[in-house]
Amino acid sequence: MTRIINGERRYGVWSGCYMGQAEDPTRCIEEVWPSDGRIPHQCSRKRGHGPDGMYCKQHAKKHNMET
């Protein structure tokens, strides 16, 4: 689950890793689940679409932010 900790987005937060991973400002902000269904992580695609250019093209379309 994506959480905001000390003003920054954190990905993959769970009881075994309560701080998760810090947001990579060059990548899409969508949280995605791996095929093995374990711990979600930040999308690996480049930003540049949707509100403020925070999403990749695929996730901007998924949320109907871009046609």
Protein backbone atom coordinates (compact mmCIF):
# COMPACT_ATOMS: atom_id res chain seq x y z
CA MET A 1 0.00 0.00 0.00
CA THR A 2 1.30 3.44 -0.90
CA ARG A 3 1.68 5.66 2.14
CA ILE A 4 2.89 9.17 2.75
CA ILE A 5 5.66 9.14 5.37
CA ASN A 6 7.42 12.38 6.29
CA GLY A 7 5.87 14.05 3.25
CA GLU A 8 7.01 11.51 0.64
CA ARG A 9 5.30 8.57 -1.08
CA ARG A 10 6.47 5.13 0.04
CA TYR A 11 5.72 1.89 -1.82
CA GLY A 12 5.55 -1.70 -0.56
CA VAL A 13 4.87 -0.76 3.05
CA TRP A 14 4.07 -3.82 5.16
CA SER A 15 4.78 -5.10 8.69
CA GLY A 16 8.15 -6.56 7.68
CA CYS A 17 9.22 -3.35 5.94
CA TYR A 18 7.35 -0.53 7.64
CA MET A 19 9.17 2.23 5.73
CA GLY A 20 8.80 0.61 2.28
CA GLN A 21 10.65 2.07 -0.70
CA ALA A 22 10.90 5.78 -1.45
CA GLU A 23 9.25 7.16 -4.58
CA ASP A 24 11.43 7.39 -7.68
CA PRO A 25 10.54 10.84 -9.11
CA THR A 26 11.23 9.68 -12.70
CA ARG A 27 8.67 6.85 -12.61
CA CYS A 28 4.86 6.67 -12.72
CA ILE A 29 3.26 7.06 -9.26
CA GLU A 30 0.84 4.12 -9.71
CA GLU A 31 1.31 1.22 -7.30
CA VAL A 32 1.37 -2.12 -9.15
CA TRP A 33 1.27 -5.73 -7.94
CA PRO A 34 3.82 -8.27 -9.23
CA SER A 35 2.54 -11.44 -10.91
CA ASP A 36 3.47 -13.52 -7.84
CA GLY A 37 1.06 -11.36 -5.81
CA ARG A 38 3.52 -10.52 -3.06
CA ILE A 39 4.48 -6.92 -2.29
CA PRO A 40 3.27 -4.06 -4.52
CA HIS A 41 5.77 -1.56 -5.91
CA GLN A 42 5.95 1.65 -7.94
CA CYS A 43 5.27 1.32 -11.67
CA SER A 44 8.53 1.15 -13.63
CA ARG A 45 7.36 3.23 -16.61
CA LYS A 46 8.38 6.83 -17.22
CA ARG A 47 6.14 9.70 -16.15
CA GLY A 48 4.75 12.33 -18.46
CA HIS A 49 0.97 11.83 -18.69
CA GLY A 50 -2.13 12.58 -16.63
CA PRO A 51 -2.38 15.30 -13.96
CA ASP A 52 0.92 17.12 -13.47
CA GLY A 53 2.61 14.50 -15.67
CA MET A 54 2.76 12.07 -12.72
CA TYR A 55 1.56 8.94 -14.57
CA CYS A 56 2.74 6.76 -17.44
CA LYS A 57 0.54 6.65 -20.53
CA GLN A 58 -1.01 3.29 -19.57
CA HIS A 59 -2.08 4.34 -16.06
CA ALA A 60 -3.30 7.76 -17.22
CA LYS A 61 -5.63 5.92 -19.64
CA LYS A 62 -6.69 3.45 -16.93
CA HIS A 63 -7.89 6.32 -14.78
CA ASN A 64 -9.42 8.18 -17.78
CA MET A 65 -7.03 11.06 -17.30
CA GLU A 66 -5.92 11.13 -20.91
CA THR A 67 -7.49 10.04 -24.18
